[in-house]
C-alpha atoms as a PDB file:
ATOM      1  CA  MET A   1      14.561 -21.871  52.825  1.00  0.00           C
ATOM      2  CA  LYS A   2      17.385 -24.088  51.644  1.00  0.00           C
ATOM      3  CA  ILE A   3      18.905 -23.099  48.322  1.00  0.00           C
ATOM      4  CA  THR A   4      19.912 -26.174  46.375  1.00  0.00           C
ATOM      5  CA  ARG A   5      22.497 -26.417  43.640  1.00  0.00           C
ATOM      6  CA  ARG A   6      19.701 -27.044  41.163  1.00  0.00           C
ATOM      7  CA  MET A   7      17.966 -23.765  42.131  1.00  0.00           C
ATOM      8  CA  MET A   8      21.235 -21.827  41.786  1.00  0.00           C
ATOM      9  CA  GLY A   9      21.767 -23.367  38.380  1.00  0.00           C
ATOM     10  CA  ILE A  10      18.325 -22.300  37.192  1.00  0.00           C
ATOM     11  CA  ALA A  11      18.874 -18.737  38.451  1.00  0.00           C
ATOM     12  CA  LEU A  12      22.288 -18.510  36.785  1.00  0.00           C
ATOM     13  CA  ALA A  13      20.847 -19.754  33.507  1.00  0.00           C
ATOM     14  CA  ALA A  14      18.093 -17.141  33.671  1.00  0.00           C
ATOM     15  CA  VAL A  15      20.568 -14.310  34.284  1.00  0.00           C
ATOM     16  CA  THR A  16      22.763 -15.551  31.445  1.00  0.00           C
ATOM     17  CA  ALA A  17      19.767 -15.727  29.105  1.00  0.00           C
ATOM     18  CA  VAL A  18      18.790 -12.151  29.917  1.00  0.00           C
ATOM     19  CA  GLY A  19      22.359 -10.953  29.378  1.00  0.00           C
ATOM     20  CA  LEU A  20      22.571 -12.682  26.028  1.00  0.00           C
ATOM     21  CA  SER A  21      19.196 -11.403  24.908  1.00  0.00           C
ATOM     22  CA  GLN A  22      20.018  -7.704  25.496  1.00  0.00           C
ATOM     23  CA  PRO A  23      22.563  -7.312  22.666  1.00  0.00           C
ATOM     24  CA  THR A  24      20.305  -9.324  20.367  1.00  0.00           C
ATOM     25  CA  PHE A  25      17.325  -7.117  21.208  1.00  0.00           C
ATOM     26  CA  ALA A  26      19.396  -3.945  20.743  1.00  0.00           C
ATOM     27  CA  ALA A  27      20.666  -5.123  17.374  1.00  0.00           C
ATOM     28  CA  SER A  28      17.152  -6.037  16.304  1.00  0.00           C
ATOM     29  CA  THR A  29      15.848  -2.605  17.334  1.00  0.00           C
ATOM     30  CA  SER A  30      18.706  -0.828  15.540  1.00  0.00           C
ATOM     31  CA  GLN A  31      18.074  -2.795  12.376  1.00  0.00           C
ATOM     32  CA  SER A  32      14.367  -2.000  12.585  1.00  0.00           C
ATOM     33  CA  LEU A  33      15.023   1.724  12.946  1.00  0.00           C
ATOM     34  CA  GLY A  34      17.536   1.674  10.095  1.00  0.00           C
ATOM     35  CA  ALA A  35      15.118  -0.167   7.826  1.00  0.00           C
ATOM     36  CA  GLU A  36      12.462   2.467   8.514  1.00  0.00           C
ATOM     37  CA  SER A  37      14.684   5.392   7.524  1.00  0.00           C
ATOM     38  CA  VAL A  38      13.841   7.045   4.220  1.00  0.00           C
ATOM     39  CA  ILE A  39      17.563   6.966   3.423  1.00  0.00           C
ATOM     40  CA  GLU A  40      17.516   3.155   3.421  1.00  0.00           C
ATOM     41  CA  THR A  41      14.344   3.178   1.333  1.00  0.00           C
ATOM     42  CA  ILE A  42      15.966   5.470  -1.235  1.00  0.00           C
ATOM     43  CA  LYS A  43      19.105   3.324  -1.412  1.00  0.00           C
ATOM     44  CA  LYS A  44      17.119   0.125  -1.952  1.00  0.00           C
ATOM     45  CA  ARG A  45      14.775   1.722  -4.485  1.00  0.00           C
ATOM     46  CA  GLY A  46      17.594   3.464  -6.338  1.00  0.00           C
ATOM     47  CA  VAL A  47      15.431   6.587  -6.708  1.00  0.00           C
ATOM     48  CA  ILE A  48      14.796   9.608  -4.507  1.00  0.00           C
ATOM     49  CA  LYS A  49      11.307  11.097  -4.816  1.00  0.00           C
ATOM     50  CA  ILE A  50      11.370  14.864  -4.347  1.00  0.00           C
ATOM     51  CA  GLY A  51       8.175  16.860  -3.860  1.00  0.00           C
ATOM     52  CA  LEU A  52       7.957  20.384  -5.259  1.00  0.00           C
ATOM     53  CA  ASP A  53       5.552  23.000  -6.551  1.00  0.00           C
ATOM     54  CA  PHE A  54       6.204  25.504  -9.321  1.00  0.00           C
ATOM     55  CA  PHE A  55       7.202  29.113  -8.731  1.00  0.00           C
ATOM     56  CA  VAL A  56       9.926  31.003 -10.572  1.00  0.00           C
ATOM     57  CA  PRO A  57      12.856  30.588 -10.263  1.00  0.00           C
ATOM     58  CA  TRP A  58      12.673  27.925  -7.570  1.00  0.00           C
ATOM     59  CA  SER A  59      11.030  25.344  -9.844  1.00  0.00           C
ATOM     60  CA  MET A  60       9.412  25.699 -13.275  1.00  0.00           C
ATOM     61  CA  ARG A  61       8.915  23.992 -16.605  1.00  0.00           C
ATOM     62  CA  ASP A  62      10.966  25.040 -19.606  1.00  0.00           C
ATOM     63  CA  LYS A  63       9.630  25.365 -23.146  1.00  0.00           C
ATOM     64  CA  ASN A  64      10.026  21.607 -23.646  1.00  0.00           C
ATOM     65  CA  GLY A  65       8.067  20.786 -20.493  1.00  0.00           C
ATOM     66  CA  ASP A  66      11.139  19.715 -18.506  1.00  0.00           C
ATOM     67  CA  ILE A  67      11.469  20.742 -14.862  1.00  0.00           C
ATOM     68  CA  ILE A  68      14.237  23.286 -14.261  1.00  0.00           C
ATOM     69  CA  GLY A  69      15.174  25.837 -11.620  1.00  0.00           C
ATOM     70  CA  PHE A  70      17.127  26.132  -8.399  1.00  0.00           C
ATOM     71  CA  GLU A  71      15.286  23.328  -6.588  1.00  0.00           C
ATOM     72  CA  PRO A  72      15.558  20.760  -9.418  1.00  0.00           C
ATOM     73  CA  GLU A  73      19.273  21.496  -9.650  1.00  0.00           C
ATOM     74  CA  VAL A  74      19.638  20.943  -5.907  1.00  0.00           C
ATOM     75  CA  GLY A  75      17.591  17.737  -6.185  1.00  0.00           C
ATOM     76  CA  ARG A  76      19.658  16.364  -9.076  1.00  0.00           C
ATOM     77  CA  LYS A  77      22.913  17.120  -7.248  1.00  0.00           C
ATOM     78  CA  LEU A  78      21.600  15.451  -4.094  1.00  0.00           C
ATOM     79  CA  ALA A  79      20.583  12.352  -6.068  1.00  0.00           C
ATOM     80  CA  ALA A  80      23.934  12.188  -7.870  1.00  0.00           C
ATOM     81  CA  ASP A  81      25.814  12.391  -4.569  1.00  0.00           C
ATOM     82  CA  MET A  82      23.655   9.572  -3.180  1.00  0.00           C
ATOM     83  CA  GLY A  83      24.251   7.476  -6.298  1.00  0.00           C
ATOM     84  CA  VAL A  84      20.546   7.226  -7.152  1.00  0.00           C
ATOM     85  CA  GLU A  85      18.129   8.541  -9.773  1.00  0.00           C
ATOM     86  CA  VAL A  86      15.761  11.433  -9.080  1.00  0.00           C
ATOM     87  CA  GLU A  87      11.999  11.561  -9.558  1.00  0.00           C
ATOM     88  CA  PHE A  88      10.259  14.893  -9.084  1.00  0.00           C
ATOM     89  CA  VAL A  89       6.713  14.780  -7.723  1.00  0.00           C
ATOM     90  CA  PRO A  90       4.922  18.038  -8.649  1.00  0.00           C
ATOM     91  CA  THR A  91       2.319  18.756  -5.965  1.00  0.00           C
ATOM     92  CA  LYS A  92       0.060  21.706  -5.256  1.00  0.00           C
ATOM     93  CA  TRP A  93       1.433  23.712  -2.346  1.00  0.00           C
ATOM     94  CA  ALA A  94      -1.606  23.336  -0.097  1.00  0.00           C
ATOM     95  CA  GLY A  95      -1.284  19.547  -0.242  1.00  0.00           C
ATOM     96  CA  ILE A  96       2.468  19.064  -0.306  1.00  0.00           C
ATOM     97  CA  ILE A  97       2.979  18.453   3.429  1.00  0.00           C
ATOM     98  CA  PRO A  98       0.078  15.944   3.638  1.00  0.00           C
ATOM     99  CA  ALA A  99       1.543  14.188   0.580  1.00  0.00           C
ATOM    100  CA  LEU A 100       4.931  13.911   2.324  1.00  0.00           C
ATOM    101  CA  VAL A 101       3.355  12.531   5.497  1.00  0.00           C
ATOM    102  CA  ALA A 102       1.374  10.025   3.402  1.00  0.00           C
ATOM    103  CA  GLY A 103       4.601   8.709   1.859  1.00  0.00           C
ATOM    104  CA  LYS A 104       4.012   9.963  -1.687  1.00  0.00           C
ATOM    105  CA  MET A 105       7.493  11.520  -1.679  1.00  0.00           C
ATOM    106  CA  ASP A 106      10.686  11.110   0.317  1.00  0.00           C
ATOM    107  CA  VAL A 107      11.494  14.766   0.906  1.00  0.00           C
ATOM    108  CA  ILE A 108      10.197  18.242   0.050  1.00  0.00           C
ATOM    109  CA  ILE A 109      12.725  20.507  -1.675  1.00  0.00           C
ATOM    110  CA  SER A 110      10.586  23.427  -2.759  1.00  0.00           C
ATOM    111  CA  GLY A 111      11.655  26.690  -1.155  1.00  0.00           C
ATOM    112  CA  MET A 112       9.725  25.855   2.009  1.00  0.00           C
ATOM    113  CA  THR A 113      10.497  28.277   4.825  1.00  0.00           C
ATOM    114  CA  VAL A 114      11.183  26.665   8.191  1.00  0.00           C
ATOM    115  CA  THR A 115       8.413  27.699  10.602  1.00  0.00           C
ATOM    116  CA  PRO A 116       7.316  26.448  14.048  1.00  0.00           C
ATOM    117  CA  ALA A 117       3.817  25.764  12.707  1.00  0.00           C
ATOM    118  CA  ARG A 118       5.143  23.453   9.971  1.00  0.00           C
ATOM    119  CA  ASN A 119       7.504  21.844  12.484  1.00  0.00           C
ATOM    120  CA  LEU A 120       4.476  20.514  14.340  1.00  0.00           C
ATOM    121  CA  THR A 121       3.854  18.179  11.399  1.00  0.00           C
ATOM    122  CA  ILE A 122       7.237  17.603   9.735  1.00  0.00           C
ATOM    123  CA  ASN A 123      10.932  18.034  10.450  1.00  0.00           C
ATOM    124  CA  PHE A 124      13.286  20.357   8.615  1.00  0.00           C
ATOM    125  CA  SER A 125      16.934  20.218   7.720  1.00  0.00           C
ATOM    126  CA  GLU A 126      19.249  23.146   8.297  1.00  0.00           C
ATOM    127  CA  PRO A 127      18.584  25.962   5.785  1.00  0.00           C
ATOM    128  CA  TYR A 128      20.077  25.459   2.342  1.00  0.00           C
ATOM    129  CA  ALA A 129      18.844  28.856   1.083  1.00  0.00           C
ATOM    130  CA  PHE A 130      17.796  32.177   2.576  1.00  0.00           C
ATOM    131  CA  SER A 131      15.264  34.663   1.254  1.00  0.00           C
ATOM    132  CA  GLY A 132      12.781  37.342   2.217  1.00  0.00           C
ATOM    133  CA  LEU A 133       9.439  38.512   0.862  1.00  0.00           C
ATOM    134  CA  THR A 134       8.892  41.576  -1.337  1.00  0.00           C
ATOM    135  CA  ILE A 135       5.664  43.397  -2.173  1.00  0.00           C
ATOM    136  CA  LEU A 136       4.682  43.470  -5.855  1.00  0.00           C
ATOM    137  CA  ALA A 137       2.016  46.116  -6.463  1.00  0.00           C
ATOM    138  CA  ASN A 138      -0.234  47.473  -9.180  1.00  0.00           C
ATOM    139  CA  THR A 139       1.415  50.874  -9.606  1.00  0.00           C
ATOM    140  CA  ALA A 140      -1.685  52.852 -10.560  1.00  0.00           C
ATOM    141  CA  MET A 141      -3.806  51.352  -7.769  1.00  0.00           C
ATOM    142  CA  THR A 142      -1.223  51.973  -5.032  1.00  0.00           C
ATOM    143  CA  GLN A 143       0.338  55.258  -6.155  1.00  0.00           C
ATOM    144  CA  GLY A 144       1.554  57.322  -3.185  1.00  0.00           C
ATOM    145  CA  MET A 145       0.628  54.704  -0.565  1.00  0.00           C
ATOM    146  CA  SER A 146       2.805  54.140   2.493  1.00  0.00           C
ATOM    147  CA  LEU A 147       3.401  50.695   3.924  1.00  0.00           C
ATOM    148  CA  GLU A 148       0.857  51.417   6.659  1.00  0.00           C
ATOM    149  CA  ASP A 149      -1.752  52.242   4.014  1.00  0.00           C
ATOM    150  CA  TYR A 150      -1.695  48.622   2.836  1.00  0.00           C
ATOM    151  CA  ASN A 151      -3.304  47.565   6.125  1.00  0.00           C
ATOM    152  CA  SER A 152      -6.792  48.652   5.123  1.00  0.00           C
ATOM    153  CA  GLU A 153     -10.140  47.074   4.323  1.00  0.00           C
ATOM    154  CA  ASP A 154      -9.917  48.825   0.964  1.00  0.00           C
ATOM    155  CA  ILE A 155      -6.773  46.862  -0.008  1.00  0.00           C
ATOM    156  CA  THR A 156      -6.790  43.387  -1.561  1.00  0.00           C
ATOM    157  CA  PHE A 157      -3.806  41.042  -1.614  1.00  0.00           C
ATOM    158  CA  SER A 158      -3.477  37.848  -3.636  1.00  0.00           C
ATOM    159  CA  CYS A 159      -1.400  34.864  -2.517  1.00  0.00           C
ATOM    160  CA  ARG A 160      -0.856  31.158  -2.996  1.00  0.00           C
ATOM    161  CA  ARG A 161      -2.908  29.092  -0.557  1.00  0.00           C
ATOM    162  CA  GLY A 162      -0.861  27.610   2.296  1.00  0.00           C
ATOM    163  CA  SER A 163       2.276  29.599   1.447  1.00  0.00           C
ATOM    164  CA  THR A 164       4.478  31.694   3.727  1.00  0.00           C
ATOM    165  CA  PRO A 165       3.375  34.944   1.973  1.00  0.00           C
ATOM    166  CA  CYS A 166      -0.279  34.116   2.721  1.00  0.00           C
ATOM    167  CA  THR A 167       0.491  33.681   6.404  1.00  0.00           C
ATOM    168  CA  TYR A 168       2.669  36.779   6.550  1.00  0.00           C
ATOM    169  CA  ILE A 169       0.138  39.023   4.763  1.00  0.00           C
ATOM    170  CA  ALA A 170      -2.613  37.956   7.159  1.00  0.00           C
ATOM    171  CA  THR A 171      -0.362  38.846  10.099  1.00  0.00           C
ATOM    172  CA  LYS A 172       1.227  42.036   8.764  1.00  0.00           C
ATOM    173  CA  PHE A 173      -1.893  43.435   7.069  1.00  0.00           C
ATOM    174  CA  PRO A 174      -4.817  41.923   9.037  1.00  0.00           C
ATOM    175  CA  LYS A 175      -7.388  44.445   7.767  1.00  0.00           C
ATOM    176  CA  ALA A 176      -6.686  43.776   4.098  1.00  0.00           C
ATOM    177  CA  LYS A 177      -8.731  41.346   2.013  1.00  0.00           C
ATOM    178  CA  LEU A 178      -6.959  38.193   0.918  1.00  0.00           C
ATOM    179  CA  LEU A 179      -7.594  36.296  -2.325  1.00  0.00           C
ATOM    180  CA  LYS A 180      -6.112  32.789  -2.178  1.00  0.00           C
ATOM    181  CA  PHE A 181      -5.217  30.695  -5.221  1.00  0.00           C
ATOM    182  CA  GLU A 182      -3.616  27.318  -5.855  1.00  0.00           C
ATOM    183  CA  ASP A 183      -1.108  28.540  -8.451  1.00  0.00           C
ATOM    184  CA  GLU A 184       1.621  31.121  -7.922  1.00  0.00           C
ATOM    185  CA  GLY A 185       1.172  32.632 -11.371  1.00  0.00           C
ATOM    186  CA  VAL A 186      -2.461  33.534 -10.714  1.00  0.00           C
ATOM    187  CA  ASN A 187      -1.422  35.875  -7.885  1.00  0.00           C
ATOM    188  CA  VAL A 188       0.612  38.078 -10.213  1.00  0.00           C
ATOM    189  CA  GLN A 189      -2.081  37.955 -12.879  1.00  0.00           C
ATOM    190  CA  GLU A 190      -4.672  39.216 -10.403  1.00  0.00           C
ATOM    191  CA  VAL A 191      -2.450  42.208  -9.593  1.00  0.00           C
ATOM    192  CA  LEU A 192      -1.727  42.750 -13.274  1.00  0.00           C
ATOM    193  CA  ASN A 193      -5.452  42.694 -14.098  1.00  0.00           C
ATOM    194  CA  GLY A 194      -6.316  45.087 -11.283  1.00  0.00           C
ATOM    195  CA  ASN A 195      -8.278  42.543  -9.244  1.00  0.00           C
ATOM    196  CA  ALA A 196      -5.762  42.823  -6.376  1.00  0.00           C
ATOM    197  CA  HIS A 197      -3.658  45.760  -5.244  1.00  0.00           C
ATOM    198  CA  ALA A 198      -0.612  43.668  -4.409  1.00  0.00           C
ATOM    199  CA  THR A 199       0.921  40.293  -3.718  1.00  0.00           C
ATOM    200  CA  MET A 200       4.078  39.116  -1.941  1.00  0.00           C
ATOM    201  CA  ALA A 201       6.726  36.589  -2.944  1.00  0.00           C
ATOM    202  CA  SER A 202      10.393  35.756  -2.548  1.00  0.00           C
ATOM    203  CA  GLU A 203      12.869  37.593  -4.710  1.00  0.00           C
ATOM    204  CA  PRO A 204      13.743  37.698  -7.518  1.00  0.00           C
ATOM    205  CA  GLY A 205      10.155  36.899  -8.554  1.00  0.00           C
ATOM    206  CA  PRO A 206       8.602  40.312  -7.784  1.00  0.00           C
ATOM    207  CA  SER A 207      11.485  42.267  -9.338  1.00  0.00           C
ATOM    208  CA  ASN A 208      11.410  40.086 -12.456  1.00  0.00           C
ATOM    209  CA  ASP A 209       7.643  40.586 -12.803  1.00  0.00           C
ATOM    210  CA  ALA A 210       8.044  44.339 -12.402  1.00  0.00           C
ATOM    211  CA  ARG A 211      10.701  44.397 -15.134  1.00  0.00           C
ATOM    212  CA  ARG A 212       8.451  42.402 -17.478  1.00  0.00           C
ATOM    213  CA  HIS A 213       5.476  44.721 -16.915  1.00  0.00           C
ATOM    214  CA  PRO A 214       6.998  48.125 -16.060  1.00  0.00           C
ATOM    215  CA  GLU A 215       3.904  50.004 -17.189  1.00  0.00           C
ATOM    216  CA  THR A 216       1.677  48.214 -14.647  1.00  0.00           C
ATOM    217  CA  LEU A 217       3.706  46.562 -11.866  1.00  0.00           C
ATOM    218  CA  SER A 218       6.324  47.809  -9.417  1.00  0.00           C
ATOM    219  CA  VAL A 219       8.145  46.908  -6.209  1.00  0.00           C
ATOM    220  CA  PRO A 220       7.188  49.941  -4.106  1.00  0.00           C
ATOM    221  CA  PHE A 221       9.441  49.368  -1.088  1.00  0.00           C
ATOM    222  CA  ASN A 222      13.143  48.585  -1.017  1.00  0.00           C
ATOM    223  CA  GLN A 223      12.602  46.217   1.859  1.00  0.00           C
ATOM    224  CA  ALA A 224      12.563  42.458   2.443  1.00  0.00           C
ATOM    225  CA  PHE A 225      10.003  41.133   4.906  1.00  0.00           C
ATOM    226  CA  ASP A 226       9.969  37.966   7.025  1.00  0.00           C
ATOM    227  CA  ALA A 227      13.509  36.984   6.022  1.00  0.00           C
ATOM    228  CA  GLY A 228      14.112  33.347   6.881  1.00  0.00           C
ATOM    229  CA  GLY A 229      15.696  30.110   5.783  1.00  0.00           C
ATOM    230  CA  GLU A 230      14.381  27.347   3.532  1.00  0.00           C
ATOM    231  CA  GLY A 231      14.980  23.718   4.524  1.00  0.00           C
ATOM    232  CA  PHE A 232      14.381  20.204   3.246  1.00  0.00           C
ATOM    233  CA  GLY A 233      11.078  18.920   4.652  1.00  0.00           C
ATOM    234  CA  MET A 234      10.994  15.309   5.869  1.00  0.00           C
ATOM    235  CA  ARG A 235       8.820  13.007   7.934  1.00  0.00           C
ATOM    236  CA  LYS A 236       9.299  12.963  11.701  1.00  0.00           C
ATOM    237  CA  SER A 237      11.171  10.281  13.670  1.00  0.00           C
ATOM    238  CA  ASP A 238      13.883   9.775  11.072  1.00  0.00           C
ATOM    239  CA  PRO A 239      17.272  10.738  12.576  1.00  0.00           C
ATOM    240  CA  ASP A 240      19.178   9.118   9.698  1.00  0.00           C
ATOM    241  CA  ALA A 241      17.511  11.363   7.117  1.00  0.00           C
ATOM    242  CA  LEU A 242      18.031  14.471   9.252  1.00  0.00           C
ATOM    243  CA  ALA A 243      21.716  13.636   9.746  1.00  0.00           C
ATOM    244  CA  TYR A 244      22.355  12.911   6.072  1.00  0.00           C
ATOM    245  CA  PHE A 245      20.552  15.942   4.665  1.00  0.00           C
ATOM    246  CA  ASN A 246      22.223  18.248   7.190  1.00  0.00           C
ATOM    247  CA  SER A 247      25.681  16.910   6.394  1.00  0.00           C
ATOM    248  CA  TRP A 248      24.996  17.265   2.651  1.00  0.00           C
ATOM    249  CA  ILE A 249      23.853  20.864   3.085  1.00  0.00           C
ATOM    250  CA  ARG A 250      26.841  21.775   5.276  1.00  0.00           C
ATOM    251  CA  ARG A 251      29.268  20.305   2.757  1.00  0.00           C
ATOM    252  CA  HIS A 252      27.829  22.231  -0.164  1.00  0.00           C
ATOM    253  CA  HIS A 253      27.586  25.443   1.808  1.00  0.00           C
ATOM    254  CA  ASN A 254      31.264  25.062   2.681  1.00  0.00           C
ATOM    255  CA  ASN A 255      32.438  24.244  -0.837  1.00  0.00           C
ATOM    256  CA  GLY A 256      30.405  27.084  -2.340  1.00  0.00           C
ATOM    257  CA  TRP A 257      28.193  24.957  -4.594  1.00  0.00           C
ATOM    258  CA  LEU A 258      24.899  26.060  -3.023  1.00  0.00           C
ATOM    259  CA  LYS A 259      25.811  29.757  -3.208  1.00  0.00           C
ATOM    260  CA  ALA A 260      26.993  29.537  -6.822  1.00  0.00           C
ATOM    261  CA  THR A 261      23.849  27.658  -7.841  1.00  0.00           C
ATOM    262  CA  HIS A 262      21.571  30.052  -5.950  1.00  0.00           C
ATOM    263  CA  ASP A 263      23.295  33.060  -7.510  1.00  0.00           C
ATOM    264  CA  TYR A 264      22.811  31.625 -11.009  1.00  0.00           C
ATOM    265  CA  TRP A 265      19.044  31.307 -10.600  1.00  0.00           C
ATOM    266  CA  PHE A 266      18.356  34.311  -8.359  1.00  0.00           C
ATOM    267  CA  ARG A 267      20.909  36.975  -9.312  1.00  0.00           C
ATOM    268  CA  GLY A 268      21.041  36.500 -13.062  1.00  0.00           C
ATOM    269  CA  ASN A 269      18.699  35.757 -15.933  1.00  0.00           C
ATOM    270  CA  ASP A 270      20.839  33.642 -18.255  1.00  0.00           C
ATOM    271  CA  TRP A 271      18.157  30.968 -17.899  1.00  0.00           C
ATOM    272  CA  ALA A 272      15.256  33.269 -18.872  1.00  0.00           C
ATOM    273  CA  ASP A 273      15.183  32.245 -22.557  1.00  0.00           C
ATOM    274  CA  GLN A 274      14.446  28.646 -21.500  1.00  0.00           C
ATOM    275  CA  VAL A 275      10.977  29.510 -20.192  1.00  0.00           C
ATOM    276  CA  ASP A 276       7.910  31.271 -21.562  1.00  0.00           C
ATOM    277  CA  GLN A 277       7.655  34.779 -20.170  1.00  0.00           C
END
């Protein structure tokens, strides 16, 4: 077959067109990915929407109804560093991950422990806080009991539905009965009223509750269980968000801001007079 100059010209033009189209396609793809990132959405909106649920001292309402606590302080600092406003989206714990996936918030900052099970649905940043679980018990109902005694059909635990304590109790004490509630405060009230022998939560919640009700409640074991890290929860397939949140967390770990803020809310009680006990 004889190759003519016209045929060579057509082939050369085709190769040139493909070569020119590759950078254009790459740029278009990059722009598309960038536009989809929640970071770009936040910047354009001028507001970051942070999902949280209430449990002391992570997040709570003060006597005026304003949202305060460790998480809101982290959220406000994050927003200030991004140069945007903050909007908190209070959401019941059992529905907070579905709400994130549905786009009702940009990120979860609510003391959520990083777990493989949750990682199947959402991504997590590096930990910005670390905590473990403590048992809070009705003293009279559990007097003289060993840790092994709590794993019994005669023992009832209360917990917040969908929370890490609920999962841990079911694993650590599989024989015990489990009462599940939507609100964190109900768990303690059930123990206080004698409807449950014990509950579990992150410190300093159990110790604070025991100090408020020393005649009824106690922390029977000087032991933290299931110690792990809490991370920002975000939707999958968003490398920009993961990179930004991780860099923000690293910076404020390194400069001591996260530790100082965590210590204020978890190691002291200067804030206690702001909330109803």
